[in-house]
N, C-alpha and C. Protein backbone atom coordinates (compact mmCIF):
# COMPACT_ATOMS: atom_id res chain seq x y z
N UNK A 1 79.30 -19.04 -2.62
CA UNK A 1 78.00 -19.24 -2.77
C UNK A 1 77.75 -20.16 -2.27
N UNK A 2 76.60 -20.29 -1.23
CA UNK A 2 76.30 -21.69 -0.45
C UNK A 2 74.76 -22.62 -1.25
N UNK A 3 74.63 -23.10 -1.10
CA UNK A 3 73.37 -24.15 -1.19
C UNK A 3 72.47 -24.45 -0.42
N UNK A 4 71.24 -23.88 -0.91
CA UNK A 4 69.72 -24.26 0.52
C UNK A 4 69.24 -25.33 -0.03
N UNK A 5 68.85 -25.93 1.14
CA UNK A 5 67.71 -27.07 0.88
C UNK A 5 66.73 -26.55 1.36
N UNK A 6 65.43 -26.71 0.56
CA UNK A 6 64.04 -25.76 0.60
C UNK A 6 63.51 -26.05 2.18
N UNK A 7 62.63 -25.55 2.57
CA UNK A 7 61.90 -25.46 3.70
C UNK A 7 60.50 -27.32 3.79
N UNK A 8 60.10 -27.30 2.19
CA UNK A 8 59.72 -28.85 1.89
C UNK A 8 60.65 -29.91 2.36
N UNK A 9 61.83 -29.63 1.98
CA UNK A 9 62.73 -31.03 1.77
C UNK A 9 63.16 -31.14 3.16
N UNK A 10 63.60 -30.64 3.82
CA UNK A 10 64.57 -30.16 5.58
C UNK A 10 63.29 -31.01 6.09
N UNK A 11 61.58 -30.81 6.20
CA UNK A 11 60.82 -31.07 6.53
C UNK A 11 60.61 -32.66 6.41
N UNK A 12 60.28 -32.96 5.26
CA UNK A 12 60.40 -34.75 4.36
C UNK A 12 61.68 -35.23 5.07
N UNK A 13 62.43 -34.92 4.79
CA UNK A 13 63.93 -35.73 5.86
C UNK A 13 63.39 -35.60 7.37
N UNK A 14 63.24 -33.92 7.71
CA UNK A 14 62.85 -34.47 9.52
C UNK A 14 61.88 -35.84 9.78
N UNK A 15 61.13 -35.69 9.14
CA UNK A 15 59.91 -36.60 8.79
C UNK A 15 60.43 -38.36 9.18
N UNK A 16 60.94 -38.78 7.62
CA UNK A 16 62.26 -39.46 7.27
C UNK A 16 62.87 -40.60 9.13
N UNK A 17 63.45 -39.12 9.70
CA UNK A 17 64.60 -39.64 10.61
C UNK A 17 63.54 -39.85 12.04
N UNK A 18 62.50 -39.25 11.93
CA UNK A 18 61.66 -39.36 13.10
C UNK A 18 61.11 -40.80 12.97
N UNK A 19 60.81 -41.27 11.67
CA UNK A 19 59.97 -42.70 11.77
C UNK A 19 61.31 -43.69 11.88
N UNK A 20 62.42 -43.67 11.41
CA UNK A 20 63.62 -43.76 11.46
C UNK A 20 63.78 -44.67 13.06
N UNK A 21 63.78 -43.60 13.53
CA UNK A 21 63.77 -43.48 15.24
C UNK A 21 62.83 -43.96 15.87
N UNK A 22 62.05 -43.82 15.57
CA UNK A 22 60.17 -44.67 16.44
C UNK A 22 60.73 -46.00 15.75
N UNK A 23 60.60 -46.21 14.89
CA UNK A 23 60.86 -47.69 14.42
C UNK A 23 61.54 -48.34 15.73
N UNK A 24 62.99 -48.11 15.20
CA UNK A 24 64.13 -48.45 16.11
C UNK A 24 63.65 -48.27 17.48
N UNK A 25 62.94 -47.25 18.28
CA UNK A 25 62.68 -47.37 19.54
C UNK A 25 61.50 -48.49 19.95
N UNK A 26 61.04 -48.71 18.87
CA UNK A 26 59.29 -49.21 19.37
C UNK A 26 59.87 -51.41 18.87
N UNK A 27 61.40 -51.27 18.11
CA UNK A 27 61.46 -52.72 18.10
C UNK A 27 62.23 -53.74 19.12
N UNK A 28 61.97 -54.59 19.33
CA UNK A 28 62.55 -55.77 20.42
C UNK A 28 64.11 -56.26 19.98
N UNK A 29 64.68 -56.46 20.48
CA UNK A 29 66.08 -57.51 20.82
C UNK A 29 65.71 -59.33 20.65
N UNK A 30 64.65 -59.47 19.59
CA UNK A 30 64.59 -60.86 19.72
C UNK A 30 63.34 -61.35 20.51
N UNK A 31 63.21 -62.57 21.63
CA UNK A 31 62.19 -62.71 22.54
C UNK A 31 60.77 -62.74 21.92
N UNK A 32 60.39 -63.66 22.60
CA UNK A 32 58.75 -63.91 22.71
C UNK A 32 58.14 -63.39 23.33
N UNK A 33 57.43 -62.84 22.70
CA UNK A 33 56.51 -61.96 23.49
C UNK A 33 55.75 -62.70 24.62
N UNK A 34 55.92 -62.34 25.41
CA UNK A 34 54.62 -62.42 27.03
C UNK A 34 53.64 -61.87 27.50
N UNK A 35 52.78 -62.84 27.62
CA UNK A 35 51.64 -62.44 27.84
C UNK A 35 51.23 -62.22 29.40
N UNK A 36 50.44 -61.52 29.54
CA UNK A 36 49.60 -60.67 28.65
C UNK A 36 50.60 -59.71 28.33
N UNK A 37 51.60 -59.25 28.72
CA UNK A 37 52.49 -58.65 28.62
C UNK A 37 54.17 -58.90 29.07
N UNK A 38 55.34 -58.69 28.77
CA UNK A 38 56.22 -58.46 29.51
C UNK A 38 56.45 -58.44 30.94
N UNK A 39 55.60 -57.14 31.25
CA UNK A 39 55.90 -56.46 32.69
C UNK A 39 54.87 -57.42 33.21
N UNK A 40 53.70 -58.05 32.92
CA UNK A 40 52.84 -59.15 33.64
C UNK A 40 53.12 -60.57 33.73
N UNK A 41 54.48 -61.18 32.88
CA UNK A 41 54.81 -61.97 32.69
C UNK A 41 56.38 -62.55 33.69
N UNK A 42 57.03 -61.09 33.80
CA UNK A 42 57.87 -61.69 34.43
C UNK A 42 58.37 -60.13 35.70
N UNK A 43 59.14 -60.64 36.08
CA UNK A 43 59.38 -59.62 37.33
C UNK A 43 61.11 -59.27 37.19
N UNK A 44 61.62 -58.19 35.88
CA UNK A 44 62.52 -58.19 35.66
C UNK A 44 64.10 -58.05 36.41
N UNK A 45 64.41 -58.95 36.72
CA UNK A 45 65.78 -59.41 37.54
C UNK A 45 65.43 -60.43 39.59
N UNK A 46 63.57 -59.83 40.01
CA UNK A 46 63.47 -60.50 40.44
C UNK A 46 62.43 -61.59 40.74
N UNK A 47 62.05 -61.81 42.39
CA UNK A 47 61.13 -62.93 41.81
C UNK A 47 60.15 -63.00 41.54
N UNK A 48 59.41 -64.44 41.19
CA UNK A 48 58.16 -64.53 40.44
C UNK A 48 57.12 -65.35 41.29
N UNK A 49 55.90 -64.94 41.87
CA UNK A 49 55.65 -65.76 43.22
C UNK A 49 54.57 -66.81 42.01
N UNK A 50 54.21 -67.91 42.43
CA UNK A 50 53.61 -69.06 41.82
C UNK A 50 52.58 -69.03 43.06
N UNK A 51 51.18 -69.40 42.85
CA UNK A 51 50.17 -69.37 44.00
C UNK A 51 49.72 -70.04 43.82
N UNK A 52 48.52 -70.55 44.14
CA UNK A 52 47.23 -71.53 44.48
C UNK A 52 45.63 -70.65 44.45
N UNK A 53 45.25 -70.56 43.20
CA UNK A 53 43.34 -70.33 43.45
C UNK A 53 42.53 -71.41 43.42
N UNK A 54 41.86 -71.15 43.52
CA UNK A 54 40.43 -72.47 43.53
C UNK A 54 39.07 -71.56 42.84
N UNK A 55 38.58 -72.53 42.23
CA UNK A 55 37.81 -72.30 40.98
C UNK A 55 36.57 -73.65 40.63
N UNK A 56 35.91 -73.00 40.06
CA UNK A 56 35.30 -74.20 39.48
C UNK A 56 35.87 -75.20 39.19
N UNK A 57 37.17 -75.31 38.60
CA UNK A 57 38.18 -76.11 37.66
C UNK A 57 38.59 -77.10 39.08
N UNK A 58 38.44 -76.40 40.43
CA UNK A 58 39.39 -77.13 41.45
C UNK A 58 40.99 -75.36 41.83
N UNK A 59 41.60 -76.67 42.40
CA UNK A 59 42.68 -76.26 42.51
C UNK A 59 43.40 -75.49 41.43
N UNK A 60 43.72 -74.78 41.07
CA UNK A 60 44.99 -74.68 40.01
C UNK A 60 45.99 -73.57 40.39
N UNK A 61 47.13 -73.60 39.44
CA UNK A 61 48.50 -72.47 39.72
C UNK A 61 47.49 -70.95 38.81
N UNK A 62 48.59 -70.30 39.78
CA UNK A 62 48.46 -68.66 39.11
C UNK A 62 50.03 -68.03 39.37
N UNK A 63 49.85 -67.05 38.39
CA UNK A 63 51.64 -65.69 38.09
C UNK A 63 50.63 -64.72 38.84
N UNK A 64 51.31 -63.97 37.45
CA UNK A 64 51.43 -62.29 38.19
C UNK A 64 50.46 -62.22 37.73
N UNK A 65 49.14 -61.58 39.27
CA UNK A 65 48.36 -60.91 39.05
C UNK A 65 47.23 -61.75 39.08
N UNK A 66 47.86 -63.09 39.58
CA UNK A 66 46.18 -64.00 40.01
C UNK A 66 45.83 -64.51 38.51
N UNK A 67 46.84 -64.55 37.72
CA UNK A 67 46.28 -65.48 36.27
C UNK A 67 46.60 -66.07 36.28
N UNK A 68 46.38 -67.55 35.71
CA UNK A 68 45.68 -68.85 35.33
C UNK A 68 47.41 -68.93 34.63
N UNK A 69 47.84 -69.79 34.81
CA UNK A 69 48.91 -70.62 34.57
C UNK A 69 48.78 -72.05 34.04
N UNK A 70 48.87 -72.59 32.49
CA UNK A 70 48.60 -73.65 32.06
C UNK A 70 50.21 -74.18 31.76
N UNK A 71 49.81 -75.77 31.39
CA UNK A 71 50.87 -76.33 30.46
C UNK A 71 50.64 -77.17 29.51
N UNK A 72 51.85 -77.75 28.25
CA UNK A 72 51.46 -78.44 27.35
C UNK A 72 51.87 -79.41 27.49
N UNK A 73 51.34 -80.66 27.06
CA UNK A 73 51.50 -81.78 27.83
C UNK A 73 52.85 -82.71 26.76
N UNK A 74 52.74 -81.77 25.36
CA UNK A 74 53.58 -82.75 24.14
C UNK A 74 55.35 -82.28 24.81
N UNK A 75 55.07 -80.87 25.90
CA UNK A 75 56.50 -80.51 26.10
C UNK A 75 56.89 -81.32 27.31
N UNK A 76 58.74 -81.42 26.77
CA UNK A 76 59.28 -82.46 27.54
C UNK A 76 60.12 -81.55 28.64
N UNK A 77 60.42 -82.47 29.95
CA UNK A 77 60.67 -81.52 30.99
C UNK A 77 61.82 -80.55 30.76
N UNK A 78 61.33 -79.09 31.73
CA UNK A 78 62.51 -78.69 31.26
C UNK A 78 62.43 -77.77 29.73
N UNK A 79 61.96 -77.80 29.50
CA UNK A 79 61.87 -77.96 27.86
C UNK A 79 60.02 -77.27 27.08
N UNK A 80 60.20 -76.47 26.42
CA UNK A 80 59.16 -75.47 26.03
C UNK A 80 59.48 -75.78 24.21
N UNK A 81 58.63 -76.34 24.20
CA UNK A 81 58.39 -76.34 22.60
C UNK A 81 57.33 -75.56 21.64
N UNK A 82 56.65 -74.11 22.63
CA UNK A 82 55.82 -73.60 22.15
C UNK A 82 56.97 -72.53 21.77
N UNK A 83 56.65 -72.00 20.73
CA UNK A 83 57.45 -71.12 20.48
C UNK A 83 57.12 -70.12 19.15
N UNK A 84 57.57 -68.73 18.60
CA UNK A 84 56.92 -68.38 17.85
C UNK A 84 55.49 -67.65 17.85
N UNK A 85 54.82 -68.16 16.68
CA UNK A 85 53.44 -67.77 17.09
C UNK A 85 52.34 -68.55 18.27
N UNK A 86 52.93 -69.61 18.84
CA UNK A 86 52.68 -70.47 19.64
C UNK A 86 52.69 -69.96 20.72
N UNK A 87 53.80 -69.07 21.22
CA UNK A 87 54.31 -67.98 22.01
C UNK A 87 53.33 -66.75 22.11
N UNK A 88 52.92 -66.37 21.21
CA UNK A 88 52.31 -65.23 21.38
C UNK A 88 50.32 -65.68 21.60
N UNK A 89 49.81 -66.82 21.46
CA UNK A 89 49.03 -67.19 22.46
C UNK A 89 49.21 -67.59 23.22
N UNK A 90 50.14 -68.86 23.38
CA UNK A 90 50.50 -69.33 24.74
C UNK A 90 51.52 -68.53 25.93
N UNK A 91 51.61 -67.25 26.02
CA UNK A 91 53.04 -66.71 26.27
C UNK A 91 53.60 -67.12 27.95
N UNK A 92 54.51 -67.81 27.44
CA UNK A 92 55.42 -68.10 28.91
C UNK A 92 55.43 -67.71 30.09
N UNK A 93 55.65 -67.94 30.93
CA UNK A 93 55.45 -67.51 32.75
C UNK A 93 57.09 -67.19 32.41
N UNK A 94 57.61 -66.42 32.61
CA UNK A 94 59.21 -66.04 32.37
C UNK A 94 59.66 -65.25 33.83
N UNK A 95 60.82 -65.48 34.45
CA UNK A 95 61.26 -64.26 35.57
C UNK A 95 62.53 -63.59 34.38
N UNK A 96 62.72 -62.88 35.12
CA UNK A 96 64.02 -62.32 34.79
C UNK A 96 65.22 -62.53 35.41
N UNK A 97 66.24 -61.46 34.16
CA UNK A 97 67.67 -62.53 34.20
C UNK A 97 67.97 -62.55 35.70
N UNK A 98 68.69 -63.18 36.58
CA UNK A 98 68.59 -63.17 37.71
C UNK A 98 67.60 -63.76 38.82
N UNK A 99 67.00 -63.39 37.73
CA UNK A 99 65.48 -63.64 39.27
C UNK A 99 65.11 -65.39 39.31
N UNK A 100 63.85 -65.83 40.28
CA UNK A 100 63.88 -66.83 41.14
C UNK A 100 62.16 -67.44 40.82
N UNK A 101 61.95 -68.33 40.62
CA UNK A 101 60.54 -68.59 41.15
C UNK A 101 60.32 -68.74 42.35
N UNK A 102 59.34 -68.13 43.13
CA UNK A 102 59.28 -68.56 44.57
C UNK A 102 57.60 -69.15 44.68
N UNK A 103 57.57 -69.92 45.68
CA UNK A 103 56.51 -70.54 45.91
C UNK A 103 55.64 -69.91 47.06
N UNK A 104 54.29 -69.73 46.50
CA UNK A 104 52.98 -68.90 47.79
C UNK A 104 52.30 -69.95 48.30
N UNK A 105 51.59 -69.90 48.86
CA UNK A 105 50.77 -70.83 49.30
C UNK A 105 50.54 -71.96 48.74
N UNK A 106 50.37 -72.95 49.82
CA UNK A 106 49.68 -73.91 48.40
C UNK A 106 50.91 -74.67 47.27
N UNK A 107 51.62 -74.11 46.98
CA UNK A 107 52.60 -74.79 46.47
C UNK A 107 53.65 -75.86 46.59
N UNK A 108 53.68 -76.85 46.48
CA UNK A 108 53.88 -78.17 47.46
C UNK A 108 55.12 -78.67 46.02
N UNK A 109 54.93 -78.16 44.81
CA UNK A 109 56.32 -78.85 43.88
C UNK A 109 57.31 -78.00 43.93
N UNK A 110 58.03 -78.59 43.12
CA UNK A 110 59.58 -77.92 43.08
C UNK A 110 59.51 -76.28 41.19
N UNK A 111 59.74 -75.84 42.11
CA UNK A 111 60.01 -74.72 40.90
C UNK A 111 61.25 -74.78 40.71
N UNK A 112 61.15 -74.42 39.07
CA UNK A 112 62.67 -74.26 38.39
C UNK A 112 63.02 -72.78 37.27
N UNK A 113 63.92 -72.90 36.47
CA UNK A 113 63.45 -71.62 35.64
C UNK A 113 64.80 -72.77 34.42
N UNK A 114 64.05 -72.58 33.70
CA UNK A 114 65.61 -72.90 32.74
C UNK A 114 64.89 -71.67 31.26
N UNK A 115 66.34 -72.12 30.35
CA UNK A 115 66.46 -70.57 29.55
C UNK A 115 65.82 -71.21 27.87
N UNK A 116 64.65 -70.35 27.02
CA UNK A 116 64.11 -70.78 26.62
C UNK A 116 64.90 -70.65 24.94
N UNK A 117 64.45 -70.55 24.16
CA UNK A 117 65.34 -71.06 22.67
C UNK A 117 65.44 -69.20 22.54
N UNK A 118 64.85 -68.67 23.24
CA UNK A 118 64.88 -67.19 22.50
C UNK A 118 66.27 -66.44 23.86
N UNK A 119 66.56 -67.02 24.60
CA UNK A 119 67.31 -66.79 25.96
C UNK A 119 66.27 -66.66 27.06
N UNK A 120 65.08 -65.72 27.41
CA UNK A 120 64.52 -66.02 28.37
C UNK A 120 64.57 -67.16 29.45
N UNK A 121 63.97 -66.77 30.55
CA UNK A 121 63.92 -67.63 31.13
C UNK A 121 62.70 -68.19 31.71
N UNK A 122 62.54 -69.20 31.10
CA UNK A 122 60.76 -69.33 31.76
C UNK A 122 60.55 -70.73 33.00
N UNK A 123 59.55 -70.43 33.66
CA UNK A 123 59.41 -71.23 35.24
C UNK A 123 58.67 -72.43 34.75
N UNK A 124 59.07 -73.54 35.51
CA UNK A 124 58.67 -75.01 35.54
C UNK A 124 58.24 -75.62 36.71
N UNK A 125 57.17 -76.15 36.80
CA UNK A 125 56.37 -76.32 37.68
C UNK A 125 56.79 -77.93 37.80
N UNK A 126 57.64 -78.75 38.71
CA UNK A 126 57.88 -80.72 38.40
C UNK A 126 58.41 -80.14 37.08
N UNK A 127 59.07 -79.26 36.29
CA UNK A 127 59.85 -79.69 35.38
C UNK A 127 58.85 -79.35 33.93
N UNK A 128 57.61 -79.12 34.48
CA UNK A 128 56.59 -78.43 33.06
C UNK A 128 56.61 -76.95 32.93
N UNK A 129 57.16 -76.83 32.16
CA UNK A 129 56.96 -75.35 31.78
C UNK A 129 55.47 -74.97 31.61
N UNK A 130 55.30 -73.63 32.53
CA UNK A 130 54.14 -73.38 32.42
C UNK A 130 53.96 -71.73 31.20
N UNK A 131 52.68 -71.45 31.27
CA UNK A 131 52.31 -70.74 30.23
C UNK A 131 50.87 -69.82 31.11
N UNK A 132 50.67 -68.60 30.62
CA UNK A 132 49.44 -67.64 30.26
C UNK A 132 48.77 -68.04 29.23
N UNK A 133 48.03 -67.97 29.04
CA UNK A 133 47.11 -67.75 27.97
C UNK A 133 45.95 -66.71 27.54
N UNK A 134 46.87 -65.85 26.15
CA UNK A 134 46.06 -64.73 26.23
C UNK A 134 44.86 -64.32 26.09
N UNK A 135 43.95 -65.60 25.45
CA UNK A 135 42.65 -65.53 25.56
C UNK A 135 41.62 -64.98 27.25
N UNK A 136 42.61 -65.53 28.34
CA UNK A 136 42.18 -64.95 29.42
C UNK A 136 42.44 -63.71 29.78
N UNK A 137 41.57 -62.94 30.40
CA UNK A 137 40.50 -61.56 30.02
C UNK A 137 41.62 -61.23 31.28
N UNK A 138 40.89 -61.60 33.12
CA UNK A 138 41.75 -61.59 33.79
C UNK A 138 41.89 -62.20 34.47
N UNK A 139 42.25 -62.23 36.12
CA UNK A 139 42.63 -63.50 37.05
C UNK A 139 41.48 -64.22 37.45
N UNK A 140 41.16 -65.95 37.46
CA UNK A 140 40.67 -66.10 37.18
C UNK A 140 39.26 -66.70 36.43
N UNK A 141 40.31 -66.06 35.36
CA UNK A 141 39.57 -66.68 33.58
C UNK A 141 40.40 -68.42 33.31
N UNK A 142 39.70 -69.22 33.19
CA UNK A 142 40.50 -70.62 33.45
C UNK A 142 39.99 -70.59 30.97
N UNK A 143 39.55 -70.31 30.58
CA UNK A 143 39.31 -70.63 29.16
C UNK A 143 40.11 -70.88 28.11
N UNK A 144 41.60 -71.62 28.90
CA UNK A 144 42.33 -72.37 27.93
C UNK A 144 42.14 -73.71 28.25
N UNK A 145 41.96 -74.13 29.06
CA UNK A 145 41.72 -75.01 30.12
C UNK A 145 41.07 -76.94 28.55
N UNK A 146 41.84 -77.74 28.38
CA UNK A 146 41.71 -78.32 26.95
C UNK A 146 41.57 -77.81 26.15
N UNK A 147 42.23 -76.73 25.68
CA UNK A 147 42.48 -75.94 24.47
C UNK A 147 43.36 -77.40 23.66
N UNK A 148 43.17 -77.57 22.49
CA UNK A 148 42.93 -78.72 21.43
C UNK A 148 43.59 -79.95 22.56
N UNK A 149 42.92 -80.37 23.16
CA UNK A 149 43.55 -81.73 23.94
C UNK A 149 44.91 -81.59 24.31
N UNK A 150 45.72 -80.58 24.52
CA UNK A 150 47.18 -80.74 24.87
C UNK A 150 48.28 -79.36 25.94
N UNK A 151 46.33 -78.47 26.00
CA UNK A 151 46.37 -77.06 27.09
C UNK A 151 45.65 -77.36 28.43
N UNK A 152 46.37 -77.29 29.49
CA UNK A 152 45.69 -78.00 30.69
C UNK A 152 45.69 -76.94 31.54
N UNK A 153 45.34 -76.52 32.38
CA UNK A 153 45.50 -75.46 33.71
C UNK A 153 46.56 -76.38 34.65
N UNK A 154 47.59 -75.47 35.18
CA UNK A 154 48.20 -75.94 35.70
C UNK A 154 47.64 -76.50 37.61
N UNK A 155 47.96 -77.67 37.70
CA UNK A 155 47.41 -78.09 39.08
C UNK A 155 48.49 -78.03 40.17
N UNK A 156 48.61 -77.80 41.57
CA UNK A 156 49.84 -77.78 42.66
C UNK A 156 49.98 -79.20 43.03
N UNK A 157 49.01 -79.91 42.36
CA UNK A 157 48.86 -82.06 42.65
C UNK A 157 50.12 -82.18 41.61
N UNK A 158 50.22 -81.54 39.77
CA UNK A 158 50.84 -82.06 38.94
C UNK A 158 49.80 -82.79 38.27
N UNK A 159 48.52 -83.30 38.77
CA UNK A 159 47.47 -83.37 38.31
C UNK A 159 46.14 -82.72 37.78
N UNK A 160 45.58 -82.87 36.41
CA UNK A 160 45.14 -81.64 35.69
C UNK A 160 43.37 -81.61 36.60
N UNK A 161 43.40 -80.11 36.90
CA UNK A 161 41.85 -80.02 37.55
C UNK A 161 40.89 -80.63 36.93
N UNK A 162 39.29 -81.48 37.90
CA UNK A 162 38.39 -81.72 37.53
C UNK A 162 37.40 -81.06 36.43
N UNK A 163 37.89 -79.92 35.66
CA UNK A 163 37.12 -79.25 34.09
C UNK A 163 37.02 -80.02 33.13
N UNK A 164 36.51 -80.32 32.60
CA UNK A 164 35.60 -80.65 31.10
C UNK A 164 36.88 -80.42 30.06
N UNK A 165 37.18 -80.81 29.21
CA UNK A 165 38.00 -79.50 28.41
C UNK A 165 37.53 -78.98 27.50
N UNK A 166 37.59 -77.63 26.61
CA UNK A 166 37.14 -77.19 25.70
C UNK A 166 37.73 -78.06 24.64
N UNK A 167 36.44 -77.94 23.38
CA UNK A 167 36.24 -78.41 22.25
C UNK A 167 38.02 -77.83 21.60
N UNK A 168 38.26 -78.87 21.14
CA UNK A 168 40.17 -79.14 20.53
C UNK A 168 39.91 -77.76 19.55
N UNK A 169 41.06 -77.71 19.52
CA UNK A 169 41.27 -75.95 18.99
C UNK A 169 41.64 -76.40 17.49
N UNK A 170 42.04 -75.23 16.63
CA UNK A 170 42.47 -75.76 15.14
C UNK A 170 43.17 -76.32 14.58
N UNK A 171 44.82 -75.59 15.21
CA UNK A 171 46.03 -76.33 15.06
C UNK A 171 46.63 -76.91 16.04
N UNK A 172 48.06 -77.28 15.03
CA UNK A 172 48.81 -78.10 16.42
C UNK A 172 49.51 -77.45 18.14
N UNK A 173 49.11 -76.11 18.23
CA UNK A 173 49.04 -75.66 19.57
C UNK A 173 47.80 -75.18 19.95
N UNK A 174 46.57 -75.62 19.59
CA UNK A 174 45.60 -75.26 20.14
C UNK A 174 44.85 -74.12 19.97
N UNK A 175 45.02 -73.68 19.23
CA UNK A 175 44.47 -72.20 18.34
C UNK A 175 44.72 -71.76 16.57
């Protein structure tokens, strides 16, 4: 005589298995979040272009979709100190594996990439790591300028644009 499992029990096991599969599918393998999303900040394997835009703050560097790029003044050359929670607010501008940063019109400095602690490749301009600001909603937004007295719009000349800094942020990373 064979044992049978009741229909509610099978349904419960199916739900548990489905949840386990969903959790596995949604999890990532390490890596900091890139903003505005991973797709927006890196071009998987291809080139990423750094361009120049002009706005009320003067000329500044932009990444994917014309979004403003920033520098974090405490960063040493070709090294990011903005990791974990910081990288959620200030997502690094990254390039996919095997990709390279490309200079758009008006970009005269040196573009490079370096490995972040999580293994992703971050783009740097004249050695300064580049980031997005998660609070910038669209191309042309420059709301990260001067945050915490350490975050500034990346300038094509390597000096900050002439906008007045915003009020200092709350914590170490300006958020």
